[in-house]
C-alpha cells in the first residue's frame, strides 16, 4: 500500500536513527494515511480516498464536493 495522501501529497520522510553508540541506520517517517469512504451526493455513489489526517480535516472544512473538484482539476482520476 502506497503511503501517500491523494489530496496533500504527503509521503514518507527518510533519515537516520542514531543509537547511543552513534551508529546510524536508515529509517522512515510514515504519514498517518487513512482510507476513508465519502458519499458523493451529486453522483449518487461512495468514494474511497486515501487521506492523511490533515487532509481529512480539509475535507471536513471545505466539503467533499470542493475537494473532488480540486482533485479532478489537478487531473487525478477518481
PDB file of N, CA and C in Angstrom:
ATOM      1  N   UNK A   1       0.837  -1.178   0.000  1.00  0.00           N
ATOM      2  CA  UNK A   1       0.000   0.000   0.000  1.00  0.00           C
ATOM      3  C   UNK A   1       0.882   1.242   0.000  1.00  0.00           C
ATOM      4  N   UNK A   2       0.621   2.133  -0.910  1.00  0.00           N
ATOM      5  CA  UNK A   2       1.394   3.355  -1.010  1.00  0.00           C
ATOM      6  C   UNK A   2       1.022   4.284   0.147  1.00  0.00           C
ATOM      7  N   UNK A   3       2.014   4.750   0.863  1.00  0.00           N
ATOM      8  CA  UNK A   3       1.778   5.650   1.990  1.00  0.00           C
ATOM      9  C   UNK A   3       1.828   7.082   1.491  1.00  0.00           C
ATOM     10  N   UNK A   4       0.868   7.443   0.625  1.00  0.00           N
ATOM     11  CA  UNK A   4       0.824   8.769   0.036  1.00  0.00           C
ATOM     12  C   UNK A   4      -0.604   9.295   0.096  1.00  0.00           C
ATOM     13  N   UNK A   5      -0.743  10.551   0.502  1.00  0.00           N
ATOM     14  CA  UNK A   5      -2.053  11.175   0.593  1.00  0.00           C
ATOM     15  C   UNK A   5      -2.476  11.662  -0.789  1.00  0.00           C
ATOM     16  N   UNK A   6      -3.709  11.354  -1.193  1.00  0.00           N
ATOM     17  CA  UNK A   6      -4.194  11.755  -2.507  1.00  0.00           C
ATOM     18  C   UNK A   6      -4.457  13.253  -2.597  1.00  0.00           C
ATOM     19  N   UNK A   7      -4.735  13.899  -1.490  1.00  0.00           N
ATOM     20  CA  UNK A   7      -5.085  15.321  -1.517  1.00  0.00           C
ATOM     21  C   UNK A   7      -3.865  16.216  -1.312  1.00  0.00           C
ATOM     22  N   UNK A   8      -3.113  15.979  -0.256  1.00  0.00           N
ATOM     23  CA  UNK A   8      -1.991  16.855   0.068  1.00  0.00           C
ATOM     24  C   UNK A   8      -0.676  16.376  -0.521  1.00  0.00           C
ATOM     25  N   UNK A   9      -0.597  15.117  -0.927  1.00  0.00           N
ATOM     26  CA  UNK A   9       0.649  14.592  -1.494  1.00  0.00           C
ATOM     27  C   UNK A   9       1.682  14.201  -0.458  1.00  0.00           C
ATOM     28  N   UNK A  10       1.294  14.166   0.802  1.00  0.00           N
ATOM     29  CA  UNK A  10       2.239  13.784   1.848  1.00  0.00           C
ATOM     30  C   UNK A  10       2.728  12.366   1.621  1.00  0.00           C
ATOM     31  N   UNK A  11       4.034  12.157   1.803  1.00  0.00           N
ATOM     32  CA  UNK A  11       4.634  10.850   1.618  1.00  0.00           C
ATOM     33  C   UNK A  11       5.701  10.646   2.679  1.00  0.00           C
ATOM     34  N   UNK A  12       6.267   9.433   2.768  1.00  0.00           N
ATOM     35  CA  UNK A  12       7.235   9.177   3.829  1.00  0.00           C
ATOM     36  C   UNK A  12       8.458  10.078   3.747  1.00  0.00           C
ATOM     37  N   UNK A  13       8.980  10.426   4.928  1.00  0.00           N
ATOM     38  CA  UNK A  13      10.238  11.142   5.029  1.00  0.00           C
ATOM     39  C   UNK A  13      11.320  10.153   5.428  1.00  0.00           C
ATOM     40  N   UNK A  14      12.527  10.366   4.947  1.00  0.00           N
ATOM     41  CA  UNK A  14      13.608   9.432   5.216  1.00  0.00           C
ATOM     42  C   UNK A  14      14.713  10.122   5.991  1.00  0.00           C
ATOM     43  N   UNK A  15      15.426   9.339   6.792  1.00  0.00           N
ATOM     44  CA  UNK A  15      16.516   9.881   7.587  1.00  0.00           C
ATOM     45  C   UNK A  15      17.273   8.768   8.262  1.00  0.00           C
ATOM     46  N   UNK A  16      17.914   9.091   9.358  1.00  0.00           N
ATOM     47  CA  UNK A  16      18.740   8.133  10.084  1.00  0.00           C
ATOM     48  C   UNK A  16      18.293   8.045  11.537  1.00  0.00           C
ATOM     49  N   UNK A  17      18.335   6.830  12.074  1.00  0.00           N
ATOM     50  CA  UNK A  17      18.213   6.642  13.507  1.00  0.00           C
ATOM     51  C   UNK A  17      19.621   6.627  14.071  1.00  0.00           C
ATOM     52  N   UNK A  18      19.835   7.349  15.153  1.00  0.00           N
ATOM     53  CA  UNK A  18      21.160   7.408  15.754  1.00  0.00           C
ATOM     54  C   UNK A  18      21.079   6.766  17.132  1.00  0.00           C
ATOM     55  N   UNK A  19      21.834   5.679  17.312  1.00  0.00           N
ATOM     56  CA  UNK A  19      21.818   4.957  18.576  1.00  0.00           C
ATOM     57  C   UNK A  19      22.697   5.655  19.611  1.00  0.00           C
ATOM     58  N   UNK A  20      22.709   5.100  20.805  1.00  0.00           N
ATOM     59  CA  UNK A  20      23.543   5.652  21.877  1.00  0.00           C
ATOM     60  C   UNK A  20      25.021   5.628  21.504  1.00  0.00           C
ATOM     61  N   UNK A  21      25.440   4.582  20.775  1.00  0.00           N
ATOM     62  CA  UNK A  21      26.837   4.479  20.338  1.00  0.00           C
ATOM     63  C   UNK A  21      27.093   5.246  19.045  1.00  0.00           C
ATOM     64  N   UNK A  22      26.108   5.984  18.600  1.00  0.00           N
ATOM     65  CA  UNK A  22      26.160   6.850  17.421  1.00  0.00           C
ATOM     66  C   UNK A  22      26.244   6.076  16.104  1.00  0.00           C
ATOM     67  N   UNK A  23      25.759   4.837  16.122  1.00  0.00           N
ATOM     68  CA  UNK A  23      25.641   4.072  14.882  1.00  0.00           C
ATOM     69  C   UNK A  23      24.383   4.555  14.165  1.00  0.00           C
ATOM     70  N   UNK A  24      24.526   4.868  12.887  1.00  0.00           N
ATOM     71  CA  UNK A  24      23.399   5.414  12.124  1.00  0.00           C
ATOM     72  C   UNK A  24      22.801   4.336  11.239  1.00  0.00           C
ATOM     73  N   UNK A  25      21.484   4.159  11.329  1.00  0.00           N
ATOM     74  CA  UNK A  25      20.765   3.216  10.478  1.00  0.00           C
ATOM     75  C   UNK A  25      19.618   3.954   9.804  1.00  0.00           C
ATOM     76  N   UNK A  26      19.239   3.482   8.635  1.00  0.00           N
ATOM     77  CA  UNK A  26      18.179   4.133   7.875  1.00  0.00           C
ATOM     78  C   UNK A  26      16.829   3.914   8.541  1.00  0.00           C
ATOM     79  N   UNK A  27      15.969   4.911   8.427  1.00  0.00           N
ATOM     80  CA  UNK A  27      14.617   4.792   8.935  1.00  0.00           C
ATOM     81  C   UNK A  27      13.703   5.679   8.109  1.00  0.00           C
ATOM     82  N   UNK A  28      12.404   5.525   8.292  1.00  0.00           N
ATOM     83  CA  UNK A  28      11.448   6.362   7.581  1.00  0.00           C
ATOM     84  C   UNK A  28      10.321   6.783   8.510  1.00  0.00           C
ATOM     85  N   UNK A  29       9.810   7.972   8.257  1.00  0.00           N
ATOM     86  CA  UNK A  29       8.677   8.503   8.991  1.00  0.00           C
ATOM     87  C   UNK A  29       7.472   8.436   8.067  1.00  0.00           C
ATOM     88  N   UNK A  30       6.537   7.544   8.379  1.00  0.00           N
ATOM     89  CA  UNK A  30       5.349   7.389   7.546  1.00  0.00           C
ATOM     90  C   UNK A  30       4.288   8.400   7.956  1.00  0.00           C
ATOM     91  N   UNK A  31       3.600   9.001   6.982  1.00  0.00           N
ATOM     92  CA  UNK A  31       2.475   9.875   7.326  1.00  0.00           C
ATOM     93  C   UNK A  31       1.302   9.034   7.801  1.00  0.00           C
ATOM     94  N   UNK A  32       0.426   9.643   8.566  1.00  0.00           N
ATOM     95  CA  UNK A  32      -0.746   8.952   9.085  1.00  0.00           C
ATOM     96  C   UNK A  32      -1.821   8.947   8.005  1.00  0.00           C
ATOM     97  N   UNK A  33      -1.756   7.936   7.116  1.00  0.00           N
ATOM     98  CA  UNK A  33      -2.671   7.845   5.984  1.00  0.00           C
ATOM     99  C   UNK A  33      -3.791   6.874   6.327  1.00  0.00           C
ATOM    100  N   UNK A  34      -5.024   7.338   6.160  1.00  0.00           N
ATOM    101  CA  UNK A  34      -6.210   6.543   6.447  1.00  0.00           C
ATOM    102  C   UNK A  34      -7.028   6.385   5.176  1.00  0.00           C
ATOM    103  N   UNK A  35      -7.700   5.259   5.029  1.00  0.00           N
ATOM    104  CA  UNK A  35      -8.641   5.072   3.928  1.00  0.00           C
ATOM    105  C   UNK A  35     -10.022   5.484   4.422  1.00  0.00           C
ATOM    106  N   UNK A  36     -10.609   6.465   3.748  1.00  0.00           N
ATOM    107  CA  UNK A  36     -11.915   6.983   4.160  1.00  0.00           C
ATOM    108  C   UNK A  36     -12.893   6.845   3.016  1.00  0.00           C
ATOM    109  N   UNK A  37     -14.154   6.624   3.347  1.00  0.00           N
ATOM    110  CA  UNK A  37     -15.211   6.479   2.364  1.00  0.00           C
ATOM    111  C   UNK A  37     -16.173   7.647   2.530  1.00  0.00           C
ATOM    112  N   UNK A  38     -16.390   8.389   1.451  1.00  0.00           N
ATOM    113  CA  UNK A  38     -17.269   9.558   1.478  1.00  0.00           C
ATOM    114  C   UNK A  38     -18.415   9.364   0.497  1.00  0.00           C
ATOM    115  N   UNK A  39     -19.582   9.868   0.841  1.00  0.00           N
ATOM    116  CA  UNK A  39     -20.746   9.814  -0.035  1.00  0.00           C
ATOM    117  C   UNK A  39     -20.734  11.057  -0.926  1.00  0.00           C
ATOM    118  N   UNK A  40     -20.780  10.835  -2.244  1.00  0.00           N
ATOM    119  CA  UNK A  40     -20.861  11.923  -3.214  1.00  0.00           C
ATOM    120  C   UNK A  40     -22.324  12.053  -3.656  1.00  0.00           C
ATOM    121  N   UNK A  41     -23.073  12.999  -3.140  1.00  0.00           N
ATOM    122  CA  UNK A  41     -24.490  13.082  -3.470  1.00  0.00           C
ATOM    123  C   UNK A  41     -24.758  13.432  -4.931  1.00  0.00           C
ATOM    124  N   UNK A  42     -23.876  14.201  -5.576  1.00  0.00           N
ATOM    125  CA  UNK A  42     -24.123  14.585  -6.966  1.00  0.00           C
ATOM    126  C   UNK A  42     -24.028  13.398  -7.910  1.00  0.00           C
ATOM    127  N   UNK A  43     -23.178  12.417  -7.567  1.00  0.00           N
ATOM    128  CA  UNK A  43     -23.026  11.239  -8.412  1.00  0.00           C
ATOM    129  C   UNK A  43     -23.773  10.032  -7.864  1.00  0.00           C
ATOM    130  N   UNK A  44     -24.276  10.138  -6.645  1.00  0.00           N
ATOM    131  CA  UNK A  44     -25.039   9.054  -6.044  1.00  0.00           C
ATOM    132  C   UNK A  44     -24.207   7.819  -5.767  1.00  0.00           C
ATOM    133  N   UNK A  45     -22.970   8.007  -5.348  1.00  0.00           N
ATOM    134  CA  UNK A  45     -22.085   6.869  -5.071  1.00  0.00           C
ATOM    135  C   UNK A  45     -21.104   7.227  -3.959  1.00  0.00           C
ATOM    136  N   UNK A  46     -20.476   6.176  -3.430  1.00  0.00           N
ATOM    137  CA  UNK A  46     -19.429   6.362  -2.440  1.00  0.00           C
ATOM    138  C   UNK A  46     -18.092   6.524  -3.129  1.00  0.00           C
ATOM    139  N   UNK A  47     -17.196   7.235  -2.479  1.00  0.00           N
ATOM    140  CA  UNK A  47     -15.866   7.494  -2.996  1.00  0.00           C
ATOM    141  C   UNK A  47     -14.871   7.083  -1.928  1.00  0.00           C
ATOM    142  N   UNK A  48     -13.891   6.269  -2.298  1.00  0.00           N
ATOM    143  CA  UNK A  48     -12.882   5.803  -1.352  1.00  0.00           C
ATOM    144  C   UNK A  48     -11.581   6.554  -1.617  1.00  0.00           C
ATOM    145  N   UNK A  49     -11.089   7.276  -0.605  1.00  0.00           N
ATOM    146  CA  UNK A  49      -9.869   8.067  -0.733  1.00  0.00           C
ATOM    147  C   UNK A  49      -8.875   7.673   0.337  1.00  0.00           C
ATOM    148  N   UNK A  50      -7.574   7.733  -0.005  1.00  0.00           N
ATOM    149  CA  UNK A  50      -6.516   7.542   0.976  1.00  0.00           C
ATOM    150  C   UNK A  50      -5.997   8.929   1.350  1.00  0.00           C
ATOM    151  N   UNK A  51      -6.315   9.343   2.584  1.00  0.00           N
ATOM    152  CA  UNK A  51      -6.040  10.704   3.020  1.00  0.00           C
ATOM    153  C   UNK A  51      -5.220  10.710   4.297  1.00  0.00           C
ATOM    154  N   UNK A  52      -4.364  11.720   4.423  1.00  0.00           N
ATOM    155  CA  UNK A  52      -3.682  11.945   5.695  1.00  0.00           C
ATOM    156  C   UNK A  52      -4.681  12.577   6.652  1.00  0.00           C
ATOM    157  N   UNK A  53      -4.361  12.571   7.928  1.00  0.00           N
ATOM    158  CA  UNK A  53      -5.295  13.125   8.911  1.00  0.00           C
ATOM    159  C   UNK A  53      -5.466  14.623   8.706  1.00  0.00           C
ATOM    160  N   UNK A  54      -4.459  15.308   8.213  1.00  0.00           N
ATOM    161  CA  UNK A  54      -4.595  16.729   7.910  1.00  0.00           C
ATOM    162  C   UNK A  54      -5.571  16.932   6.748  1.00  0.00           C
ATOM    163  N   UNK A  55      -5.514  16.038   5.753  1.00  0.00           N
ATOM    164  CA  UNK A  55      -6.421  16.147   4.606  1.00  0.00           C
ATOM    165  C   UNK A  55      -7.857  15.828   5.008  1.00  0.00           C
ATOM    166  N   UNK A  56      -8.051  14.949   5.987  1.00  0.00           N
ATOM    167  CA  UNK A  56      -9.399  14.653   6.473  1.00  0.00           C
ATOM    168  C   UNK A  56     -10.019  15.915   7.070  1.00  0.00           C
ATOM    169  N   UNK A  57      -9.203  16.705   7.760  1.00  0.00           N
ATOM    170  CA  UNK A  57      -9.689  17.970   8.309  1.00  0.00           C
ATOM    171  C   UNK A  57     -10.029  18.956   7.197  1.00  0.00           C
ATOM    172  N   UNK A  58      -9.265  18.923   6.101  1.00  0.00           N
ATOM    173  CA  UNK A  58      -9.558  19.795   4.963  1.00  0.00           C
ATOM    174  C   UNK A  58     -10.895  19.416   4.346  1.00  0.00           C
ATOM    175  N   UNK A  59     -11.167  18.108   4.225  1.00  0.00           N
ATOM    176  CA  UNK A  59     -12.443  17.647   3.679  1.00  0.00           C
ATOM    177  C   UNK A  59     -13.577  18.067   4.604  1.00  0.00           C
ATOM    178  N   UNK A  60     -13.392  17.961   5.902  1.00  0.00           N
ATOM    179  CA  UNK A  60     -14.418  18.392   6.864  1.00  0.00           C
ATOM    180  C   UNK A  60     -14.682  19.893   6.753  1.00  0.00           C
ATOM    181  N   UNK A  61     -13.629  20.673   6.502  1.00  0.00           N
ATOM    182  CA  UNK A  61     -13.762  22.117   6.418  1.00  0.00           C
ATOM    183  C   UNK A  61     -14.379  22.571   5.093  1.00  0.00           C
ATOM    184  N   UNK A  62     -13.861  22.054   3.962  1.00  0.00           N
ATOM    185  CA  UNK A  62     -14.257  22.534   2.637  1.00  0.00           C
ATOM    186  C   UNK A  62     -15.424  21.768   2.031  1.00  0.00           C
ATOM    187  N   UNK A  63     -15.616  20.519   2.448  1.00  0.00           N
ATOM    188  CA  UNK A  63     -16.663  19.691   1.872  1.00  0.00           C
ATOM    189  C   UNK A  63     -16.098  18.770   0.806  1.00  0.00           C
ATOM    190  N   UNK A  64     -16.734  17.612   0.642  1.00  0.00           N
ATOM    191  CA  UNK A  64     -16.232  16.597  -0.275  1.00  0.00           C
ATOM    192  C   UNK A  64     -16.365  17.045  -1.730  1.00  0.00           C
ATOM    193  N   UNK A  65     -17.417  17.825  -2.050  1.00  0.00           N
ATOM    194  CA  UNK A  65     -17.612  18.276  -3.432  1.00  0.00           C
ATOM    195  C   UNK A  65     -16.468  19.186  -3.880  1.00  0.00           C
ATOM    196  N   UNK A  66     -16.051  20.114  -3.031  1.00  0.00           N
ATOM    197  CA  UNK A  66     -14.965  21.030  -3.373  1.00  0.00           C
ATOM    198  C   UNK A  66     -13.642  20.279  -3.499  1.00  0.00           C
ATOM    199  N   UNK A  67     -13.434  19.297  -2.635  1.00  0.00           N
ATOM    200  CA  UNK A  67     -12.194  18.525  -2.673  1.00  0.00           C
ATOM    201  C   UNK A  67     -12.132  17.685  -3.943  1.00  0.00           C
ATOM    202  N   UNK A  68     -13.250  17.068  -4.323  1.00  0.00           N
ATOM    203  CA  UNK A  68     -13.287  16.265  -5.547  1.00  0.00           C
ATOM    204  C   UNK A  68     -13.047  17.158  -6.767  1.00  0.00           C
ATOM    205  N   UNK A  69     -13.618  18.354  -6.778  1.00  0.00           N
ATOM    206  CA  UNK A  69     -13.390  19.281  -7.884  1.00  0.00           C
ATOM    207  C   UNK A  69     -11.918  19.665  -7.973  1.00  0.00           C
ATOM    208  N   UNK A  70     -11.272  19.857  -6.823  1.00  0.00           N
ATOM    209  CA  UNK A  70      -9.851  20.199  -6.808  1.00  0.00           C
ATOM    210  C   UNK A  70      -8.991  19.050  -7.321  1.00  0.00           C
ATOM    211  N   UNK A  71      -9.346  17.814  -6.939  1.00  0.00           N
ATOM    212  CA  UNK A  71      -8.595  16.650  -7.408  1.00  0.00           C
ATOM    213  C   UNK A  71      -8.764  16.467  -8.905  1.00  0.00           C
ATOM    214  N   UNK A  72      -9.971  16.641  -9.409  1.00  0.00           N
ATOM    215  CA  UNK A  72     -10.213  16.475 -10.853  1.00  0.00           C
ATOM    216  C   UNK A  72      -9.547  17.584 -11.659  1.00  0.00           C
ATOM    217  N   UNK A  73      -9.493  18.784 -11.125  1.00  0.00           N
ATOM    218  CA  UNK A  73      -8.811  19.887 -11.818  1.00  0.00           C
ATOM    219  C   UNK A  73      -7.314  19.619 -11.936  1.00  0.00           C
ATOM    220  N   UNK A  74      -6.785  18.889 -10.974  1.00  0.00           N
ATOM    221  CA  UNK A  74      -5.362  18.526 -10.999  1.00  0.00           C
ATOM    222  C   UNK A  74      -5.105  17.370 -11.963  1.00  0.00           C
ATOM    223  N   UNK A  75      -6.181  16.720 -12.432  1.00  0.00           N
ATOM    224  CA  UNK A  75      -6.029  15.636 -13.396  1.00  0.00           C
ATOM    225  C   UNK A  75      -6.024  14.252 -12.787  1.00  0.00           C
ATOM    226  N   UNK A  76      -6.349  14.150 -11.506  1.00  0.00           N
ATOM    227  CA  UNK A  76      -6.366  12.844 -10.859  1.00  0.00           C
ATOM    228  C   UNK A  76      -7.678  12.140 -11.155  1.00  0.00           C
ATOM    229  N   UNK A  77      -7.586  10.859 -11.482  1.00  0.00           N
ATOM    230  CA  UNK A  77      -8.770  10.075 -11.822  1.00  0.00           C
ATOM    231  C   UNK A  77      -9.415   9.553 -10.537  1.00  0.00           C
ATOM    232  N   UNK A  78     -10.718   9.817 -10.394  1.00  0.00           N
ATOM    233  CA  UNK A  78     -11.430   9.373  -9.190  1.00  0.00           C
ATOM    234  C   UNK A  78     -12.608   8.524  -9.596  1.00  0.00           C
TER     235      UNK A  78
END
